[in-house]
Amino acid sequence: MAMEFDGSSQSFIQQVYAMAKQAAEKLGIQPEALIAQAGLETGWGKKITSIGDKSSFNLFNIKADKRWQGDSVTVQTLEVRQGIPTKEYATFRSYESPKQSFDDYVAFINSSPRYEKALQADDSESYIRALEEAGYATDPQYSEKILRILNSSEMKSAVNNAMNSQPVAMASH
């Protein structure tokens, strides 16, 4: 199934919900937290880093450092340095699909000691705040922005719609 992200939260959530649910289970958090984070990072899929018309499918804007062996894309980004928004070029990981992005996000968070506190969080809010404290993003309002999305009525409505339209597994007897 090809994914088309048009910037609509409803459409984005509908398309990524199942992947977010799988990833969230591996991290011990609610899928809504990952959806809100990916929604913020990508403008509900409308601003995913790309080269021409080839999407990187990087829903979490994970940067490609020397440890990254896969494809990457270099784009201009806005980072906050000492309280000042600064335009910089950065290299981001590139994936073949949104599913690969979710899988790598789980591996990235699980393999980095700096996110240990996030992995020990009891709830989504603590997880998001611990990500910011660990330096996931340079935006000093990062967790507040994600939590605003997470707690919005728009998010709750879109998640309910996505959950209600997921295929139900039949129990075998």
N, C-alpha and C. Protein backbone atom coordinates (compact mmCIF):
# COMPACT_ATOMS: atom_id res chain seq x y z
N MET A 1 0.86 -1.19 0.00
CA MET A 1 0.00 0.00 0.00
C MET A 1 0.89 1.24 0.00
N ALA A 2 0.76 2.07 -1.00
CA ALA A 2 1.52 3.32 -1.06
C ALA A 2 0.88 4.33 -0.11
N MET A 3 1.72 5.05 0.60
CA MET A 3 1.20 6.03 1.54
C MET A 3 1.28 7.41 0.92
N GLU A 4 0.20 8.12 1.05
CA GLU A 4 0.13 9.50 0.56
C GLU A 4 -0.18 10.38 1.75
N PHE A 5 0.78 11.21 2.12
CA PHE A 5 0.56 12.12 3.25
C PHE A 5 0.26 13.50 2.70
N ASP A 6 -0.91 14.02 3.06
CA ASP A 6 -1.34 15.32 2.54
C ASP A 6 -1.31 16.42 3.59
N GLY A 7 -0.78 16.11 4.77
CA GLY A 7 -0.74 17.11 5.83
C GLY A 7 -1.96 17.07 6.74
N SER A 8 -2.88 16.17 6.47
CA SER A 8 -4.08 16.03 7.31
C SER A 8 -3.76 15.07 8.46
N SER A 9 -4.04 15.51 9.68
CA SER A 9 -3.77 14.65 10.84
C SER A 9 -4.60 13.37 10.76
N GLN A 10 -5.84 13.51 10.33
CA GLN A 10 -6.75 12.36 10.23
C GLN A 10 -6.17 11.30 9.29
N SER A 11 -5.76 11.71 8.11
CA SER A 11 -5.20 10.80 7.12
C SER A 11 -3.87 10.19 7.61
N PHE A 12 -3.01 11.01 8.18
CA PHE A 12 -1.71 10.56 8.68
C PHE A 12 -1.91 9.49 9.75
N ILE A 13 -2.75 9.78 10.73
CA ILE A 13 -2.99 8.85 11.83
C ILE A 13 -3.57 7.55 11.31
N GLN A 14 -4.51 7.65 10.39
CA GLN A 14 -5.13 6.46 9.79
C GLN A 14 -4.06 5.56 9.17
N GLN A 15 -3.10 6.16 8.47
CA GLN A 15 -2.10 5.38 7.75
C GLN A 15 -0.99 4.82 8.64
N VAL A 16 -0.64 5.51 9.73
CA VAL A 16 0.50 5.05 10.54
C VAL A 16 0.08 4.37 11.85
N TYR A 17 -1.20 4.36 12.17
CA TYR A 17 -1.62 3.86 13.48
C TYR A 17 -1.11 2.45 13.78
N ALA A 18 -1.28 1.52 12.88
CA ALA A 18 -0.87 0.13 13.13
C ALA A 18 0.64 0.04 13.38
N MET A 19 1.42 0.79 12.61
CA MET A 19 2.88 0.79 12.78
C MET A 19 3.26 1.42 14.12
N ALA A 20 2.57 2.51 14.47
CA ALA A 20 2.84 3.19 15.74
C ALA A 20 2.51 2.27 16.91
N LYS A 21 1.43 1.51 16.78
CA LYS A 21 1.01 0.60 17.84
C LYS A 21 2.09 -0.47 18.06
N GLN A 22 2.59 -1.07 17.00
CA GLN A 22 3.65 -2.08 17.11
C GLN A 22 4.90 -1.50 17.76
N ALA A 23 5.32 -0.33 17.29
CA ALA A 23 6.53 0.31 17.82
C ALA A 23 6.34 0.68 19.28
N ALA A 24 5.19 1.24 19.61
CA ALA A 24 4.92 1.67 20.99
C ALA A 24 4.94 0.50 21.96
N GLU A 25 4.44 -0.65 21.53
CA GLU A 25 4.46 -1.84 22.39
C GLU A 25 5.89 -2.22 22.74
N LYS A 26 6.80 -2.08 21.79
CA LYS A 26 8.22 -2.42 22.02
C LYS A 26 8.89 -1.41 22.96
N LEU A 27 8.36 -0.20 23.01
CA LEU A 27 8.93 0.84 23.87
C LEU A 27 8.19 0.96 25.21
N GLY A 28 7.05 0.31 25.31
CA GLY A 28 6.27 0.37 26.54
C GLY A 28 5.52 1.67 26.73
N ILE A 29 5.10 2.29 25.62
CA ILE A 29 4.34 3.54 25.70
C ILE A 29 3.09 3.45 24.84
N GLN A 30 2.28 4.49 24.85
CA GLN A 30 1.06 4.55 24.05
C GLN A 30 1.41 4.94 22.61
N PRO A 31 0.75 4.35 21.62
CA PRO A 31 1.02 4.69 20.22
C PRO A 31 0.77 6.18 19.92
N GLU A 32 -0.16 6.78 20.64
CA GLU A 32 -0.47 8.19 20.43
C GLU A 32 0.76 9.08 20.63
N ALA A 33 1.64 8.70 21.56
CA ALA A 33 2.84 9.50 21.81
C ALA A 33 3.73 9.51 20.57
N LEU A 34 3.89 8.35 19.94
CA LEU A 34 4.71 8.27 18.74
C LEU A 34 4.05 8.99 17.56
N ILE A 35 2.74 8.87 17.46
CA ILE A 35 2.01 9.55 16.40
C ILE A 35 2.14 11.06 16.55
N ALA A 36 1.99 11.55 17.79
CA ALA A 36 2.11 13.00 18.03
C ALA A 36 3.52 13.48 17.70
N GLN A 37 4.53 12.69 18.08
CA GLN A 37 5.91 13.06 17.79
C GLN A 37 6.16 13.09 16.28
N ALA A 38 5.74 12.04 15.59
CA ALA A 38 5.91 11.99 14.13
C ALA A 38 5.10 13.10 13.45
N GLY A 39 3.92 13.39 13.97
CA GLY A 39 3.09 14.46 13.42
C GLY A 39 3.78 15.81 13.52
N LEU A 40 4.38 16.07 14.69
CA LEU A 40 5.12 17.32 14.89
C LEU A 40 6.35 17.35 13.97
N GLU A 41 7.10 16.28 13.96
CA GLU A 41 8.35 16.23 13.18
C GLU A 41 8.12 16.42 11.68
N THR A 42 6.98 15.98 11.17
CA THR A 42 6.77 15.97 9.72
C THR A 42 5.60 16.83 9.23
N GLY A 43 4.97 17.59 10.11
CA GLY A 43 3.79 18.34 9.68
C GLY A 43 2.72 17.39 9.15
N TRP A 44 2.47 16.33 9.92
CA TRP A 44 1.51 15.28 9.54
C TRP A 44 1.87 14.68 8.18
N GLY A 45 3.16 14.51 7.95
CA GLY A 45 3.62 13.84 6.74
C GLY A 45 3.89 14.74 5.57
N LYS A 46 3.51 16.00 5.67
CA LYS A 46 3.66 16.92 4.55
C LYS A 46 5.10 17.41 4.38
N LYS A 47 5.89 17.38 5.46
CA LYS A 47 7.25 17.93 5.41
C LYS A 47 8.30 16.87 5.70
N ILE A 48 8.12 15.67 5.17
CA ILE A 48 9.11 14.62 5.34
C ILE A 48 10.30 14.95 4.46
N THR A 49 11.51 14.82 5.02
CA THR A 49 12.70 15.11 4.22
C THR A 49 12.71 14.23 2.98
N SER A 50 13.19 14.81 1.88
CA SER A 50 13.20 14.08 0.61
C SER A 50 14.28 14.62 -0.31
N ILE A 51 14.58 13.82 -1.32
CA ILE A 51 15.44 14.26 -2.41
C ILE A 51 14.54 14.28 -3.64
N GLY A 52 14.28 15.46 -4.15
CA GLY A 52 13.34 15.56 -5.27
C GLY A 52 12.00 15.02 -4.85
N ASP A 53 11.49 14.03 -5.60
CA ASP A 53 10.20 13.46 -5.23
C ASP A 53 10.35 12.13 -4.49
N LYS A 54 11.59 11.76 -4.11
CA LYS A 54 11.81 10.52 -3.36
C LYS A 54 11.84 10.83 -1.86
N SER A 55 10.82 10.34 -1.17
CA SER A 55 10.70 10.57 0.27
C SER A 55 11.74 9.76 1.04
N SER A 56 12.20 10.33 2.15
CA SER A 56 13.10 9.58 3.04
C SER A 56 12.29 8.70 4.00
N PHE A 57 10.99 8.93 4.08
CA PHE A 57 10.10 8.23 5.02
C PHE A 57 10.60 8.34 6.46
N ASN A 58 11.42 9.35 6.76
CA ASN A 58 11.96 9.53 8.11
C ASN A 58 10.95 10.32 8.93
N LEU A 59 10.06 9.60 9.61
CA LEU A 59 8.96 10.22 10.34
C LEU A 59 9.38 10.86 11.66
N PHE A 60 10.62 10.55 12.11
CA PHE A 60 11.08 11.07 13.40
C PHE A 60 12.30 11.97 13.26
N ASN A 61 12.65 12.31 12.03
CA ASN A 61 13.80 13.17 11.73
C ASN A 61 15.06 12.74 12.49
N ILE A 62 15.35 11.46 12.43
CA ILE A 62 16.58 10.95 13.05
C ILE A 62 17.73 11.30 12.11
N LYS A 63 18.73 11.95 12.68
CA LYS A 63 19.89 12.35 11.89
C LYS A 63 20.79 11.15 11.62
N ALA A 64 21.50 11.23 10.50
CA ALA A 64 22.45 10.18 10.12
C ALA A 64 23.84 10.60 10.56
N ASP A 65 24.37 9.91 11.56
CA ASP A 65 25.73 10.20 11.99
C ASP A 65 26.65 9.08 11.48
N LYS A 66 27.87 9.03 11.97
CA LYS A 66 28.85 8.07 11.46
C LYS A 66 28.44 6.61 11.71
N ARG A 67 27.54 6.37 12.66
CA ARG A 67 27.08 5.00 12.93
C ARG A 67 26.08 4.51 11.88
N TRP A 68 25.44 5.42 11.17
CA TRP A 68 24.39 5.07 10.22
C TRP A 68 25.01 4.54 8.92
N GLN A 69 24.62 3.35 8.53
CA GLN A 69 25.17 2.72 7.33
C GLN A 69 24.22 2.79 6.13
N GLY A 70 22.99 3.27 6.34
CA GLY A 70 22.00 3.28 5.27
C GLY A 70 22.04 4.55 4.44
N ASP A 71 21.01 4.71 3.61
CA ASP A 71 20.87 5.90 2.77
C ASP A 71 20.58 7.12 3.64
N SER A 72 20.86 8.29 3.09
CA SER A 72 20.60 9.53 3.82
C SER A 72 20.24 10.65 2.86
N VAL A 73 19.75 11.72 3.44
CA VAL A 73 19.38 12.91 2.68
C VAL A 73 19.83 14.13 3.48
N THR A 74 20.44 15.09 2.79
CA THR A 74 20.90 16.31 3.45
C THR A 74 19.98 17.46 3.06
N VAL A 75 19.45 18.13 4.06
CA VAL A 75 18.51 19.23 3.82
C VAL A 75 18.78 20.36 4.81
N GLN A 76 18.24 21.54 4.50
CA GLN A 76 18.34 22.65 5.43
C GLN A 76 17.33 22.44 6.55
N THR A 77 17.76 22.72 7.77
CA THR A 77 16.91 22.54 8.93
C THR A 77 17.06 23.73 9.87
N LEU A 78 16.12 23.87 10.77
CA LEU A 78 16.19 24.94 11.76
C LEU A 78 16.50 24.31 13.11
N GLU A 79 17.65 24.65 13.67
CA GLU A 79 18.06 24.15 14.98
C GLU A 79 18.10 25.34 15.93
N VAL A 80 17.86 25.07 17.20
CA VAL A 80 17.96 26.13 18.21
C VAL A 80 19.28 25.95 18.94
N ARG A 81 20.16 26.93 18.79
CA ARG A 81 21.49 26.89 19.43
C ARG A 81 21.58 28.06 20.41
N GLN A 82 21.75 27.76 21.68
CA GLN A 82 21.83 28.77 22.74
C GLN A 82 20.65 29.74 22.66
N GLY A 83 19.46 29.17 22.42
CA GLY A 83 18.24 29.95 22.39
C GLY A 83 17.97 30.67 21.08
N ILE A 84 18.85 30.52 20.10
CA ILE A 84 18.70 31.24 18.83
C ILE A 84 18.41 30.25 17.70
N PRO A 85 17.25 30.41 17.02
CA PRO A 85 16.97 29.55 15.87
C PRO A 85 17.99 29.82 14.75
N THR A 86 18.63 28.76 14.27
CA THR A 86 19.68 28.88 13.27
C THR A 86 19.45 27.90 12.14
N LYS A 87 19.54 28.40 10.90
CA LYS A 87 19.41 27.51 9.74
C LYS A 87 20.74 26.80 9.53
N GLU A 88 20.67 25.48 9.39
CA GLU A 88 21.85 24.65 9.18
C GLU A 88 21.50 23.57 8.16
N TYR A 89 22.53 22.95 7.63
CA TYR A 89 22.31 21.76 6.83
C TYR A 89 22.59 20.55 7.71
N ALA A 90 21.74 19.55 7.62
CA ALA A 90 21.90 18.34 8.40
C ALA A 90 21.59 17.14 7.52
N THR A 91 22.19 16.02 7.86
CA THR A 91 21.97 14.78 7.13
C THR A 91 21.07 13.88 7.95
N PHE A 92 20.00 13.41 7.32
CA PHE A 92 19.00 12.59 7.99
C PHE A 92 18.98 11.19 7.38
N ARG A 93 18.61 10.23 8.20
CA ARG A 93 18.47 8.86 7.74
C ARG A 93 17.34 8.77 6.72
N SER A 94 17.48 7.86 5.78
CA SER A 94 16.47 7.65 4.76
C SER A 94 16.05 6.18 4.76
N TYR A 95 14.76 5.95 4.61
CA TYR A 95 14.19 4.60 4.68
C TYR A 95 13.41 4.29 3.41
N GLU A 96 13.12 3.01 3.24
CA GLU A 96 12.32 2.55 2.10
C GLU A 96 10.83 2.67 2.36
N SER A 97 10.44 2.79 3.64
CA SER A 97 9.01 2.83 3.99
C SER A 97 8.82 3.45 5.37
N PRO A 98 7.60 3.89 5.65
CA PRO A 98 7.31 4.38 7.00
C PRO A 98 7.52 3.30 8.06
N LYS A 99 7.22 2.05 7.74
CA LYS A 99 7.42 0.94 8.68
C LYS A 99 8.88 0.85 9.08
N GLN A 100 9.79 0.99 8.12
CA GLN A 100 11.22 0.96 8.40
C GLN A 100 11.60 2.12 9.33
N SER A 101 10.96 3.26 9.16
CA SER A 101 11.21 4.42 10.02
C SER A 101 10.81 4.12 11.47
N PHE A 102 9.64 3.52 11.66
CA PHE A 102 9.20 3.16 13.01
C PHE A 102 10.14 2.13 13.62
N ASP A 103 10.54 1.11 12.83
CA ASP A 103 11.43 0.07 13.34
C ASP A 103 12.78 0.66 13.76
N ASP A 104 13.32 1.56 12.95
CA ASP A 104 14.61 2.16 13.27
C ASP A 104 14.49 3.08 14.48
N TYR A 105 13.38 3.79 14.60
CA TYR A 105 13.16 4.65 15.76
C TYR A 105 13.24 3.81 17.05
N VAL A 106 12.56 2.66 17.06
CA VAL A 106 12.59 1.77 18.23
C VAL A 106 14.02 1.34 18.52
N ALA A 107 14.75 0.92 17.49
CA ALA A 107 16.14 0.48 17.66
C ALA A 107 17.01 1.64 18.16
N PHE A 108 16.79 2.83 17.59
CA PHE A 108 17.56 4.03 17.96
C PHE A 108 17.36 4.37 19.44
N ILE A 109 16.11 4.41 19.88
CA ILE A 109 15.81 4.74 21.28
C ILE A 109 16.33 3.64 22.21
N ASN A 110 16.11 2.39 21.83
CA ASN A 110 16.55 1.27 22.68
C ASN A 110 18.06 1.12 22.78
N SER A 111 18.79 1.55 21.75
CA SER A 111 20.23 1.31 21.74
C SER A 111 21.06 2.48 22.28
N SER A 112 20.41 3.59 22.58
CA SER A 112 21.15 4.75 23.04
C SER A 112 20.98 4.94 24.55
N PRO A 113 22.08 4.85 25.30
CA PRO A 113 21.99 5.01 26.76
C PRO A 113 21.37 6.34 27.19
N ARG A 114 21.48 7.36 26.36
CA ARG A 114 20.94 8.66 26.78
C ARG A 114 19.41 8.67 26.87
N TYR A 115 18.75 7.68 26.25
CA TYR A 115 17.29 7.61 26.31
C TYR A 115 16.79 6.62 27.37
N GLU A 116 17.68 6.16 28.23
CA GLU A 116 17.31 5.19 29.26
C GLU A 116 16.16 5.70 30.14
N LYS A 117 16.23 6.98 30.52
CA LYS A 117 15.17 7.56 31.36
C LYS A 117 13.83 7.56 30.63
N ALA A 118 13.86 7.81 29.33
CA ALA A 118 12.62 7.78 28.54
C ALA A 118 12.03 6.38 28.55
N LEU A 119 12.89 5.38 28.40
CA LEU A 119 12.42 3.99 28.38
C LEU A 119 11.87 3.54 29.73
N GLN A 120 12.27 4.22 30.80
CA GLN A 120 11.77 3.89 32.13
C GLN A 120 10.50 4.67 32.49
N ALA A 121 10.06 5.54 31.60
CA ALA A 121 8.89 6.39 31.88
C ALA A 121 7.63 5.54 32.08
N ASP A 122 6.78 6.00 32.99
CA ASP A 122 5.54 5.30 33.29
C ASP A 122 4.39 5.69 32.38
N ASP A 123 4.51 6.81 31.69
CA ASP A 123 3.42 7.27 30.83
C ASP A 123 3.99 8.08 29.66
N SER A 124 3.12 8.40 28.73
CA SER A 124 3.53 9.10 27.52
C SER A 124 4.14 10.46 27.81
N GLU A 125 3.53 11.21 28.73
CA GLU A 125 4.05 12.54 29.04
C GLU A 125 5.48 12.46 29.58
N SER A 126 5.72 11.54 30.50
CA SER A 126 7.07 11.38 31.06
C SER A 126 8.05 10.95 29.98
N TYR A 127 7.61 10.08 29.09
CA TYR A 127 8.46 9.62 27.98
C TYR A 127 8.88 10.80 27.10
N ILE A 128 7.90 11.61 26.70
CA ILE A 128 8.17 12.76 25.83
C ILE A 128 9.10 13.76 26.52
N ARG A 129 8.83 14.05 27.78
CA ARG A 129 9.68 14.99 28.53
C ARG A 129 11.11 14.45 28.67
N ALA A 130 11.25 13.14 28.89
CA ALA A 130 12.58 12.54 29.02
C ALA A 130 13.34 12.58 27.69
N LEU A 131 12.62 12.46 26.57
CA LEU A 131 13.27 12.59 25.26
C LEU A 131 13.89 13.98 25.13
N GLU A 132 13.11 15.00 25.49
CA GLU A 132 13.62 16.37 25.40
C GLU A 132 14.81 16.57 26.32
N GLU A 133 14.70 16.09 27.55
CA GLU A 133 15.80 16.23 28.51
C GLU A 133 17.07 15.56 28.00
N ALA A 134 16.92 14.46 27.26
CA ALA A 134 18.07 13.71 26.73
C ALA A 134 18.65 14.35 25.47
N GLY A 135 17.99 15.40 24.98
CA GLY A 135 18.51 16.11 23.82
C GLY A 135 18.05 15.57 22.48
N TYR A 136 16.87 14.94 22.44
CA TYR A 136 16.37 14.41 21.16
C TYR A 136 16.26 15.52 20.12
N ALA A 137 15.82 16.69 20.53
CA ALA A 137 15.66 17.83 19.62
C ALA A 137 16.25 19.08 20.25
N THR A 138 16.58 20.05 19.41
CA THR A 138 17.15 21.29 19.95
C THR A 138 16.07 22.31 20.34
N ASP A 139 14.84 22.09 19.93
CA ASP A 139 13.74 23.00 20.25
C ASP A 139 13.43 22.93 21.75
N PRO A 140 13.58 24.05 22.48
CA PRO A 140 13.32 24.02 23.91
C PRO A 140 11.84 23.80 24.26
N GLN A 141 10.96 23.92 23.27
CA GLN A 141 9.53 23.69 23.47
C GLN A 141 9.08 22.33 22.91
N TYR A 142 10.04 21.47 22.59
CA TYR A 142 9.75 20.21 21.91
C TYR A 142 8.68 19.38 22.61
N SER A 143 8.88 19.10 23.89
CA SER A 143 7.92 18.25 24.59
C SER A 143 6.57 18.94 24.72
N GLU A 144 6.58 20.25 24.96
CA GLU A 144 5.30 20.97 25.08
C GLU A 144 4.49 20.89 23.79
N LYS A 145 5.16 21.02 22.66
CA LYS A 145 4.48 20.95 21.36
C LYS A 145 3.89 19.56 21.14
N ILE A 146 4.66 18.53 21.45
CA ILE A 146 4.16 17.15 21.27
C ILE A 146 2.98 16.90 22.21
N LEU A 147 3.10 17.33 23.45
CA LEU A 147 2.02 17.11 24.42
C LEU A 147 0.75 17.86 24.03
N ARG A 148 0.91 19.04 23.44
CA ARG A 148 -0.27 19.78 22.98
C ARG A 148 -0.99 18.99 21.89
N ILE A 149 -0.23 18.39 20.98
CA ILE A 149 -0.82 17.55 19.92
C ILE A 149 -1.45 16.31 20.55
N LEU A 150 -0.69 15.66 21.43
CA LEU A 150 -1.14 14.42 22.07
C LEU A 150 -2.47 14.61 22.80
N ASN A 151 -2.63 15.73 23.47
CA ASN A 151 -3.82 15.98 24.29
C ASN A 151 -4.94 16.70 23.56
N SER A 152 -4.76 16.95 22.27
CA SER A 152 -5.77 17.70 21.51
C SER A 152 -6.99 16.83 21.20
N SER A 153 -8.14 17.46 21.08
CA SER A 153 -9.36 16.73 20.73
C SER A 153 -9.24 16.18 19.31
N GLU A 154 -8.52 16.91 18.44
CA GLU A 154 -8.30 16.45 17.07
C GLU A 154 -7.57 15.10 17.07
N MET A 155 -6.56 14.97 17.92
CA MET A 155 -5.80 13.72 18.01
C MET A 155 -6.70 12.60 18.53
N LYS A 156 -7.42 12.87 19.60
CA LYS A 156 -8.29 11.85 20.18
C LYS A 156 -9.32 11.36 19.15
N SER A 157 -9.90 12.26 18.41
CA SER A 157 -10.89 11.91 17.40
C SER A 157 -10.27 11.07 16.28
N ALA A 158 -9.10 11.51 15.80
CA ALA A 158 -8.43 10.80 14.71
C ALA A 158 -8.00 9.40 15.14
N VAL A 159 -7.50 9.27 16.37
CA VAL A 159 -7.08 7.96 16.88
C VAL A 159 -8.29 7.04 17.02
N ASN A 160 -9.40 7.57 17.55
CA ASN A 160 -10.61 6.75 17.66
C ASN A 160 -11.05 6.24 16.30
N ASN A 161 -11.02 7.12 15.30
CA ASN A 161 -11.38 6.71 13.94
C ASN A 161 -10.43 5.65 13.41
N ALA A 162 -9.13 5.83 13.64
CA ALA A 162 -8.13 4.87 13.16
C ALA A 162 -8.31 3.52 13.86
N MET A 163 -8.55 3.56 15.17
CA MET A 163 -8.72 2.31 15.92
C MET A 163 -9.96 1.56 15.45
N ASN A 164 -11.02 2.29 15.18
CA ASN A 164 -12.26 1.66 14.77
C ASN A 164 -12.21 1.11 13.36
N SER A 165 -11.24 1.57 12.56
CA SER A 165 -11.19 1.07 11.19
C SER A 165 -10.07 0.05 10.98
N GLN A 166 -9.35 -0.30 12.08
CA GLN A 166 -8.30 -1.33 11.96
C GLN A 166 -8.96 -2.68 11.79
N PRO A 167 -8.36 -3.56 10.98
CA PRO A 167 -8.91 -4.90 10.84
C PRO A 167 -8.85 -5.62 12.18
N VAL A 168 -9.89 -6.34 12.50
CA VAL A 168 -9.97 -7.06 13.76
C VAL A 168 -9.51 -8.48 13.51
N ALA A 169 -8.57 -8.94 14.31
CA ALA A 169 -8.09 -10.33 14.17
C ALA A 169 -9.16 -11.28 14.66
N MET A 170 -9.40 -12.30 13.89
CA MET A 170 -10.40 -13.30 14.28
C MET A 170 -9.74 -14.32 15.21
N ALA A 171 -10.41 -14.63 16.27
CA ALA A 171 -9.89 -15.63 17.19
C ALA A 171 -10.09 -17.02 16.60
N SER A 172 -9.09 -17.87 16.73
CA SER A 172 -9.25 -19.24 16.22
C SER A 172 -9.56 -20.15 17.40
N HIS A 173 -10.42 -21.11 17.15
CA HIS A 173 -10.83 -22.04 18.24
C HIS A 173 -10.25 -23.40 18.02
